[in-house]
Amino acid sequence: MTKEELMRKAIELSNENVANGGGPFGAVIAKDGEIIATGVNRVTASCDPTAHAEVSAIRAAAAKLGTFNLSGYEIYTSCEPCPMCLGAIYWARLDKMYYGNNKTDAKNIGFDDSFIYDELELKPEDRKLPSEVLLHDEAIKAFEAWMEKEDKIEY
């Protein structure tokens, strides 16, 4: 499939998902024109705030391929990813991302992520979500154990 056909598939998934009660988002993960996995937004259907199309497609691809490293693959998504999905795309090491709608288009229909982008620019103590460091001396022990572990799988 061409990149345009793959994007059309992501868009088709987004339209079908709206018809089926989900959000207007679809994603496709492909390699060399072949679809490996797809995902749609199922936040409300599954009561899972992380069930965005891109995350769902990444989970499906990783499970199918038996790896967390999706280097060599591309993602086609009907909309520019939110901060969570963009982070997941980077963590999955996808080679390239294509998207249809942009974040302004999403904002215009009620999916406004600008608040999160703004919050990420702030120091933790200046964010709207109250947070504090707690039991750091205990928590750091897991990090120390990780650093010393010789057979760890780095990611």
N, C-alpha and C. Protein backbone atom coordinates (compact mmCIF):
# COMPACT_ATOMS: atom_id res chain seq x y z
N MET A 1 0.84 -1.19 0.00
CA MET A 1 0.00 0.00 0.00
C MET A 1 0.88 1.25 0.00
N THR A 2 0.41 2.29 -0.63
CA THR A 2 1.13 3.56 -0.62
C THR A 2 0.88 4.27 0.71
N LYS A 3 1.67 5.30 0.99
CA LYS A 3 1.45 6.03 2.23
C LYS A 3 0.08 6.71 2.24
N GLU A 4 -0.39 7.14 1.07
CA GLU A 4 -1.73 7.71 1.00
C GLU A 4 -2.81 6.67 1.32
N GLU A 5 -2.64 5.45 0.83
CA GLU A 5 -3.60 4.39 1.13
C GLU A 5 -3.58 4.03 2.61
N LEU A 6 -2.40 4.04 3.20
CA LEU A 6 -2.29 3.74 4.63
C LEU A 6 -2.95 4.84 5.45
N MET A 7 -2.76 6.10 5.05
CA MET A 7 -3.43 7.20 5.75
C MET A 7 -4.93 7.11 5.56
N ARG A 8 -5.37 6.77 4.37
CA ARG A 8 -6.81 6.61 4.14
C ARG A 8 -7.39 5.52 5.05
N LYS A 9 -6.63 4.49 5.31
CA LYS A 9 -7.07 3.42 6.22
C LYS A 9 -7.23 3.98 7.64
N ALA A 10 -6.28 4.78 8.08
CA ALA A 10 -6.39 5.40 9.40
C ALA A 10 -7.62 6.30 9.48
N ILE A 11 -7.86 7.06 8.42
CA ILE A 11 -9.03 7.94 8.36
C ILE A 11 -10.32 7.11 8.34
N GLU A 12 -10.32 6.03 7.57
CA GLU A 12 -11.47 5.13 7.52
C GLU A 12 -11.77 4.57 8.91
N LEU A 13 -10.73 4.16 9.62
CA LEU A 13 -10.90 3.65 10.98
C LEU A 13 -11.51 4.71 11.89
N SER A 14 -11.07 5.96 11.73
CA SER A 14 -11.60 7.03 12.58
C SER A 14 -13.08 7.25 12.31
N ASN A 15 -13.48 7.22 11.04
CA ASN A 15 -14.90 7.38 10.69
C ASN A 15 -15.74 6.21 11.19
N GLU A 16 -15.25 5.00 11.02
CA GLU A 16 -15.97 3.81 11.50
C GLU A 16 -16.11 3.86 13.02
N ASN A 17 -15.08 4.35 13.69
CA ASN A 17 -15.12 4.39 15.15
C ASN A 17 -16.18 5.37 15.65
N VAL A 18 -16.32 6.50 14.96
CA VAL A 18 -17.38 7.44 15.32
C VAL A 18 -18.74 6.75 15.17
N ALA A 19 -18.93 6.05 14.06
CA ALA A 19 -20.19 5.35 13.81
C ALA A 19 -20.46 4.27 14.87
N ASN A 20 -19.39 3.74 15.46
CA ASN A 20 -19.52 2.67 16.47
C ASN A 20 -19.47 3.20 17.90
N GLY A 21 -19.57 4.52 18.08
CA GLY A 21 -19.65 5.08 19.42
C GLY A 21 -18.32 5.51 20.02
N GLY A 22 -17.24 5.45 19.26
CA GLY A 22 -15.94 5.85 19.77
C GLY A 22 -15.53 7.23 19.31
N GLY A 23 -14.35 7.64 19.73
CA GLY A 23 -13.82 8.94 19.33
C GLY A 23 -13.35 8.94 17.89
N PRO A 24 -13.18 10.12 17.29
CA PRO A 24 -12.86 10.24 15.87
C PRO A 24 -11.37 10.09 15.56
N PHE A 25 -10.79 8.99 16.01
CA PHE A 25 -9.36 8.79 15.83
C PHE A 25 -9.06 7.35 15.42
N GLY A 26 -8.16 7.21 14.44
CA GLY A 26 -7.72 5.90 13.99
C GLY A 26 -6.24 5.92 13.70
N ALA A 27 -5.59 4.79 13.82
CA ALA A 27 -4.15 4.70 13.58
C ALA A 27 -3.79 3.37 12.95
N VAL A 28 -2.75 3.40 12.15
CA VAL A 28 -2.24 2.22 11.45
C VAL A 28 -0.73 2.18 11.64
N ILE A 29 -0.20 1.02 11.95
CA ILE A 29 1.25 0.82 11.98
C ILE A 29 1.59 -0.11 10.83
N ALA A 30 2.57 0.31 10.03
CA ALA A 30 2.90 -0.43 8.82
C ALA A 30 4.41 -0.48 8.60
N LYS A 31 4.78 -1.43 7.77
CA LYS A 31 6.17 -1.56 7.33
C LYS A 31 6.14 -1.97 5.86
N ASP A 32 6.90 -1.25 5.06
CA ASP A 32 6.98 -1.55 3.63
C ASP A 32 5.60 -1.67 2.98
N GLY A 33 4.68 -0.78 3.39
CA GLY A 33 3.35 -0.76 2.80
C GLY A 33 2.39 -1.82 3.32
N GLU A 34 2.82 -2.62 4.29
CA GLU A 34 1.97 -3.67 4.84
C GLU A 34 1.51 -3.28 6.23
N ILE A 35 0.21 -3.37 6.46
CA ILE A 35 -0.34 -3.05 7.78
C ILE A 35 0.02 -4.16 8.76
N ILE A 36 0.61 -3.74 9.87
CA ILE A 36 0.98 -4.67 10.94
C ILE A 36 -0.09 -4.67 12.03
N ALA A 37 -0.60 -3.46 12.33
CA ALA A 37 -1.60 -3.33 13.40
C ALA A 37 -2.40 -2.05 13.20
N THR A 38 -3.58 -2.03 13.78
CA THR A 38 -4.42 -0.84 13.75
C THR A 38 -4.92 -0.55 15.16
N GLY A 39 -5.43 0.65 15.33
CA GLY A 39 -6.03 1.01 16.61
C GLY A 39 -7.03 2.13 16.41
N VAL A 40 -8.01 2.18 17.28
CA VAL A 40 -8.99 3.25 17.30
C VAL A 40 -9.14 3.74 18.74
N ASN A 41 -9.72 4.91 18.88
CA ASN A 41 -9.93 5.48 20.20
C ASN A 41 -11.10 4.76 20.87
N ARG A 42 -10.82 4.13 22.02
CA ARG A 42 -11.85 3.39 22.77
C ARG A 42 -11.89 3.86 24.22
N VAL A 43 -11.57 5.13 24.45
CA VAL A 43 -11.54 5.67 25.81
C VAL A 43 -12.86 5.45 26.53
N THR A 44 -13.95 5.90 25.93
CA THR A 44 -15.23 5.77 26.62
C THR A 44 -15.76 4.34 26.61
N ALA A 45 -15.53 3.64 25.53
CA ALA A 45 -16.04 2.26 25.41
C ALA A 45 -15.36 1.33 26.41
N SER A 46 -14.08 1.56 26.67
CA SER A 46 -13.35 0.66 27.56
C SER A 46 -13.09 1.27 28.94
N CYS A 47 -13.59 2.49 29.15
CA CYS A 47 -13.34 3.21 30.41
C CYS A 47 -11.84 3.26 30.72
N ASP A 48 -11.06 3.53 29.68
CA ASP A 48 -9.60 3.57 29.80
C ASP A 48 -9.10 4.88 29.18
N PRO A 49 -8.66 5.84 30.00
CA PRO A 49 -8.21 7.12 29.46
C PRO A 49 -6.96 7.02 28.59
N THR A 50 -6.29 5.88 28.60
CA THR A 50 -5.10 5.70 27.75
C THR A 50 -5.41 4.97 26.46
N ALA A 51 -6.66 4.62 26.21
CA ALA A 51 -7.02 3.82 25.04
C ALA A 51 -7.19 4.70 23.80
N HIS A 52 -6.18 5.51 23.52
CA HIS A 52 -6.17 6.33 22.32
C HIS A 52 -5.78 5.45 21.13
N ALA A 53 -6.08 5.92 19.93
CA ALA A 53 -5.83 5.12 18.73
C ALA A 53 -4.36 4.75 18.58
N GLU A 54 -3.48 5.72 18.78
CA GLU A 54 -2.05 5.45 18.59
C GLU A 54 -1.52 4.46 19.62
N VAL A 55 -1.91 4.64 20.88
CA VAL A 55 -1.47 3.71 21.93
C VAL A 55 -2.03 2.32 21.66
N SER A 56 -3.29 2.25 21.24
CA SER A 56 -3.90 0.95 20.94
C SER A 56 -3.17 0.26 19.78
N ALA A 57 -2.81 1.03 18.76
CA ALA A 57 -2.08 0.45 17.62
C ALA A 57 -0.69 -0.01 18.04
N ILE A 58 -0.02 0.78 18.86
CA ILE A 58 1.32 0.40 19.35
C ILE A 58 1.23 -0.87 20.17
N ARG A 59 0.25 -0.96 21.05
CA ARG A 59 0.09 -2.17 21.88
C ARG A 59 -0.15 -3.39 20.99
N ALA A 60 -1.00 -3.24 19.99
CA ALA A 60 -1.30 -4.36 19.10
C ALA A 60 -0.07 -4.77 18.29
N ALA A 61 0.67 -3.80 17.78
CA ALA A 61 1.88 -4.12 17.00
C ALA A 61 2.93 -4.79 17.87
N ALA A 62 3.16 -4.26 19.04
CA ALA A 62 4.16 -4.84 19.94
C ALA A 62 3.80 -6.27 20.33
N ALA A 63 2.52 -6.50 20.62
CA ALA A 63 2.08 -7.86 20.97
C ALA A 63 2.24 -8.80 19.79
N LYS A 64 1.86 -8.35 18.61
CA LYS A 64 1.95 -9.19 17.41
C LYS A 64 3.40 -9.54 17.08
N LEU A 65 4.28 -8.54 17.20
CA LEU A 65 5.68 -8.74 16.84
C LEU A 65 6.53 -9.28 17.98
N GLY A 66 6.01 -9.25 19.19
CA GLY A 66 6.76 -9.75 20.35
C GLY A 66 7.95 -8.87 20.71
N THR A 67 7.80 -7.56 20.53
CA THR A 67 8.87 -6.63 20.87
C THR A 67 8.31 -5.27 21.24
N PHE A 68 9.03 -4.55 22.08
CA PHE A 68 8.64 -3.19 22.44
C PHE A 68 9.30 -2.18 21.50
N ASN A 69 10.23 -2.62 20.68
CA ASN A 69 10.99 -1.75 19.79
C ASN A 69 10.41 -1.86 18.38
N LEU A 70 9.73 -0.82 17.95
CA LEU A 70 9.09 -0.82 16.64
C LEU A 70 9.91 -0.05 15.60
N SER A 71 11.23 -0.05 15.78
CA SER A 71 12.10 0.54 14.77
C SER A 71 11.84 -0.17 13.44
N GLY A 72 11.85 0.62 12.37
CA GLY A 72 11.59 0.04 11.05
C GLY A 72 10.13 0.15 10.64
N TYR A 73 9.28 0.60 11.53
CA TYR A 73 7.85 0.73 11.27
C TYR A 73 7.45 2.20 11.27
N GLU A 74 6.32 2.48 10.66
CA GLU A 74 5.78 3.83 10.59
C GLU A 74 4.37 3.83 11.14
N ILE A 75 3.94 4.99 11.64
CA ILE A 75 2.57 5.13 12.12
C ILE A 75 1.85 6.18 11.29
N TYR A 76 0.63 5.84 10.94
CA TYR A 76 -0.28 6.73 10.21
C TYR A 76 -1.45 6.96 11.15
N THR A 77 -1.69 8.22 11.49
CA THR A 77 -2.75 8.51 12.44
C THR A 77 -3.63 9.63 11.91
N SER A 78 -4.91 9.49 12.15
CA SER A 78 -5.87 10.43 11.58
C SER A 78 -5.72 11.83 12.14
N CYS A 79 -5.03 11.98 13.27
CA CYS A 79 -4.85 13.29 13.88
C CYS A 79 -3.48 13.38 14.54
N GLU A 80 -2.93 14.57 14.56
CA GLU A 80 -1.67 14.82 15.27
C GLU A 80 -1.82 14.31 16.70
N PRO A 81 -0.89 13.51 17.18
CA PRO A 81 -1.03 12.87 18.49
C PRO A 81 -1.04 13.85 19.66
N CYS A 82 -1.75 13.45 20.69
CA CYS A 82 -1.72 14.17 21.96
C CYS A 82 -0.35 13.94 22.60
N PRO A 83 -0.03 14.65 23.68
CA PRO A 83 1.28 14.45 24.34
C PRO A 83 1.53 13.01 24.78
N MET A 84 0.51 12.34 25.30
CA MET A 84 0.69 10.94 25.74
C MET A 84 1.05 10.05 24.56
N CYS A 85 0.30 10.19 23.46
CA CYS A 85 0.54 9.35 22.30
C CYS A 85 1.87 9.67 21.63
N LEU A 86 2.21 10.94 21.59
CA LEU A 86 3.50 11.32 21.02
C LEU A 86 4.63 10.68 21.84
N GLY A 87 4.49 10.72 23.16
CA GLY A 87 5.48 10.06 24.01
C GLY A 87 5.56 8.57 23.73
N ALA A 88 4.41 7.93 23.57
CA ALA A 88 4.38 6.49 23.27
C ALA A 88 5.04 6.20 21.92
N ILE A 89 4.81 7.07 20.96
CA ILE A 89 5.42 6.89 19.63
C ILE A 89 6.94 6.98 19.73
N TYR A 90 7.43 7.94 20.50
CA TYR A 90 8.88 8.02 20.70
C TYR A 90 9.41 6.80 21.45
N TRP A 91 8.72 6.39 22.51
CA TRP A 91 9.17 5.21 23.27
C TRP A 91 9.17 3.96 22.42
N ALA A 92 8.23 3.85 21.49
CA ALA A 92 8.16 2.68 20.62
C ALA A 92 9.22 2.71 19.51
N ARG A 93 9.86 3.86 19.36
CA ARG A 93 10.93 4.05 18.36
C ARG A 93 10.44 3.89 16.92
N LEU A 94 9.22 4.29 16.66
CA LEU A 94 8.72 4.26 15.29
C LEU A 94 9.56 5.20 14.43
N ASP A 95 9.79 4.81 13.18
CA ASP A 95 10.68 5.58 12.31
C ASP A 95 10.09 6.88 11.80
N LYS A 96 8.78 6.88 11.55
CA LYS A 96 8.16 8.07 10.98
C LYS A 96 6.69 8.09 11.35
N MET A 97 6.17 9.32 11.41
CA MET A 97 4.76 9.51 11.72
C MET A 97 4.13 10.37 10.62
N TYR A 98 2.95 9.96 10.20
CA TYR A 98 2.13 10.74 9.27
C TYR A 98 0.81 11.01 9.99
N TYR A 99 0.27 12.22 9.85
CA TYR A 99 -1.03 12.50 10.45
C TYR A 99 -1.87 13.36 9.54
N GLY A 100 -3.19 13.23 9.69
CA GLY A 100 -4.14 13.97 8.86
C GLY A 100 -4.52 15.29 9.48
N ASN A 101 -5.40 15.27 10.48
CA ASN A 101 -5.80 16.48 11.18
C ASN A 101 -4.68 16.95 12.10
N ASN A 102 -4.66 18.24 12.42
CA ASN A 102 -3.65 18.74 13.36
C ASN A 102 -4.28 19.04 14.71
N LYS A 103 -3.46 19.44 15.68
CA LYS A 103 -3.97 19.64 17.03
C LYS A 103 -4.96 20.80 17.12
N THR A 104 -4.89 21.77 16.21
CA THR A 104 -5.88 22.85 16.19
C THR A 104 -7.23 22.30 15.72
N ASP A 105 -7.22 21.43 14.72
CA ASP A 105 -8.46 20.78 14.28
C ASP A 105 -9.09 20.02 15.45
N ALA A 106 -8.27 19.31 16.21
CA ALA A 106 -8.77 18.55 17.36
C ALA A 106 -9.34 19.49 18.42
N LYS A 107 -8.63 20.58 18.68
CA LYS A 107 -9.10 21.56 19.66
C LYS A 107 -10.46 22.11 19.27
N ASN A 108 -10.65 22.34 17.99
CA ASN A 108 -11.89 22.92 17.50
C ASN A 108 -13.11 22.02 17.68
N ILE A 109 -12.90 20.72 17.92
CA ILE A 109 -14.04 19.82 18.16
C ILE A 109 -14.06 19.32 19.61
N GLY A 110 -13.28 19.99 20.48
CA GLY A 110 -13.34 19.67 21.90
C GLY A 110 -12.23 18.79 22.44
N PHE A 111 -11.24 18.46 21.62
CA PHE A 111 -10.10 17.66 22.09
C PHE A 111 -8.89 18.57 22.20
N ASP A 112 -8.85 19.37 23.26
CA ASP A 112 -7.83 20.40 23.44
C ASP A 112 -6.74 19.90 24.38
N ASP A 113 -5.56 19.68 23.84
CA ASP A 113 -4.42 19.21 24.63
C ASP A 113 -3.47 20.34 25.00
N SER A 114 -3.81 21.59 24.65
CA SER A 114 -2.89 22.69 24.91
C SER A 114 -2.58 22.85 26.39
N PHE A 115 -3.54 22.54 27.24
CA PHE A 115 -3.32 22.61 28.68
C PHE A 115 -2.16 21.70 29.10
N ILE A 116 -2.14 20.49 28.56
CA ILE A 116 -1.07 19.55 28.92
C ILE A 116 0.27 20.03 28.38
N TYR A 117 0.29 20.48 27.13
CA TYR A 117 1.53 21.03 26.58
C TYR A 117 2.04 22.18 27.44
N ASP A 118 1.14 23.06 27.87
CA ASP A 118 1.53 24.19 28.72
C ASP A 118 2.06 23.71 30.06
N GLU A 119 1.41 22.73 30.65
CA GLU A 119 1.84 22.20 31.95
C GLU A 119 3.24 21.60 31.88
N LEU A 120 3.55 20.93 30.78
CA LEU A 120 4.86 20.29 30.64
C LEU A 120 6.00 21.30 30.66
N GLU A 121 5.71 22.53 30.29
CA GLU A 121 6.72 23.58 30.27
C GLU A 121 7.03 24.13 31.67
N LEU A 122 6.16 23.85 32.62
CA LEU A 122 6.29 24.40 33.97
C LEU A 122 7.11 23.49 34.89
N LYS A 123 7.67 24.08 35.92
CA LYS A 123 8.29 23.30 36.99
C LYS A 123 7.17 22.55 37.72
N PRO A 124 7.46 21.36 38.23
CA PRO A 124 6.40 20.60 38.91
C PRO A 124 5.63 21.40 39.95
N GLU A 125 6.31 22.22 40.71
CA GLU A 125 5.62 22.98 41.77
C GLU A 125 4.71 24.09 41.22
N ASP A 126 4.84 24.42 39.94
CA ASP A 126 3.99 25.45 39.34
C ASP A 126 2.82 24.87 38.54
N ARG A 127 2.71 23.56 38.47
CA ARG A 127 1.64 22.92 37.70
C ARG A 127 0.33 22.89 38.48
N LYS A 128 -0.76 22.73 37.76
CA LYS A 128 -2.10 22.66 38.37
C LYS A 128 -2.28 21.40 39.20
N LEU A 129 -1.61 20.32 38.82
CA LEU A 129 -1.70 19.06 39.56
C LEU A 129 -0.73 19.10 40.73
N PRO A 130 -1.23 19.18 41.95
CA PRO A 130 -0.30 19.20 43.09
C PRO A 130 0.52 17.92 43.13
N SER A 131 1.80 18.07 43.39
CA SER A 131 2.67 16.90 43.50
C SER A 131 3.79 17.19 44.47
N GLU A 132 4.31 16.13 45.07
CA GLU A 132 5.44 16.29 45.99
C GLU A 132 6.26 15.01 45.99
N VAL A 133 7.53 15.18 46.25
CA VAL A 133 8.43 14.04 46.38
C VAL A 133 8.12 13.36 47.71
N LEU A 134 8.01 12.02 47.68
CA LEU A 134 7.68 11.27 48.89
C LEU A 134 8.47 9.96 48.90
N LEU A 135 9.18 9.69 49.97
CA LEU A 135 9.95 8.47 50.19
C LEU A 135 11.03 8.26 49.12
N HIS A 136 11.69 9.33 48.73
CA HIS A 136 12.73 9.24 47.71
C HIS A 136 13.82 8.25 48.11
N ASP A 137 14.25 8.27 49.37
CA ASP A 137 15.33 7.38 49.81
C ASP A 137 14.96 5.91 49.66
N GLU A 138 13.69 5.59 49.76
CA GLU A 138 13.24 4.21 49.57
C GLU A 138 13.07 3.91 48.08
N ALA A 139 12.52 4.83 47.35
CA ALA A 139 12.26 4.62 45.93
C ALA A 139 13.54 4.47 45.12
N ILE A 140 14.59 5.17 45.51
CA ILE A 140 15.84 5.16 44.74
C ILE A 140 16.50 3.79 44.74
N LYS A 141 16.17 2.95 45.70
CA LYS A 141 16.78 1.62 45.78
C LYS A 141 16.48 0.78 44.54
N ALA A 142 15.30 0.90 43.97
CA ALA A 142 14.97 0.16 42.74
C ALA A 142 15.84 0.66 41.59
N PHE A 143 16.10 1.96 41.53
CA PHE A 143 16.97 2.51 40.49
C PHE A 143 18.40 2.03 40.67
N GLU A 144 18.85 1.97 41.89
CA GLU A 144 20.20 1.47 42.17
C GLU A 144 20.31 0.00 41.78
N ALA A 145 19.29 -0.79 42.08
CA ALA A 145 19.28 -2.21 41.71
C ALA A 145 19.31 -2.36 40.19
N TRP A 146 18.57 -1.50 39.49
CA TRP A 146 18.55 -1.53 38.03
C TRP A 146 19.94 -1.23 37.47
N MET A 147 20.59 -0.24 38.01
CA MET A 147 21.92 0.14 37.53
C MET A 147 22.93 -1.00 37.71
N GLU A 148 22.78 -1.76 38.79
CA GLU A 148 23.71 -2.85 39.08
C GLU A 148 23.36 -4.15 38.34
N LYS A 149 22.18 -4.26 37.84
CA LYS A 149 21.70 -5.49 37.20
C LYS A 149 22.45 -5.70 35.89
N GLU A 150 23.12 -6.83 35.77
CA GLU A 150 23.93 -7.10 34.59
C GLU A 150 23.13 -7.69 33.43
N ASP A 151 22.02 -8.34 33.71
CA ASP A 151 21.25 -8.99 32.65
C ASP A 151 19.98 -8.22 32.27
N LYS A 152 19.97 -6.92 32.53
CA LYS A 152 18.79 -6.11 32.22
C LYS A 152 18.64 -5.92 30.71
N ILE A 153 17.40 -5.74 30.31
CA ILE A 153 17.09 -5.43 28.91
C ILE A 153 16.79 -3.94 28.86
N GLU A 154 17.69 -3.18 28.31
CA GLU A 154 17.52 -1.73 28.27
C GLU A 154 16.52 -1.34 27.20
N TYR A 155 15.81 -0.27 27.46
CA TYR A 155 14.80 0.21 26.50
C TYR A 155 14.71 1.70 26.50
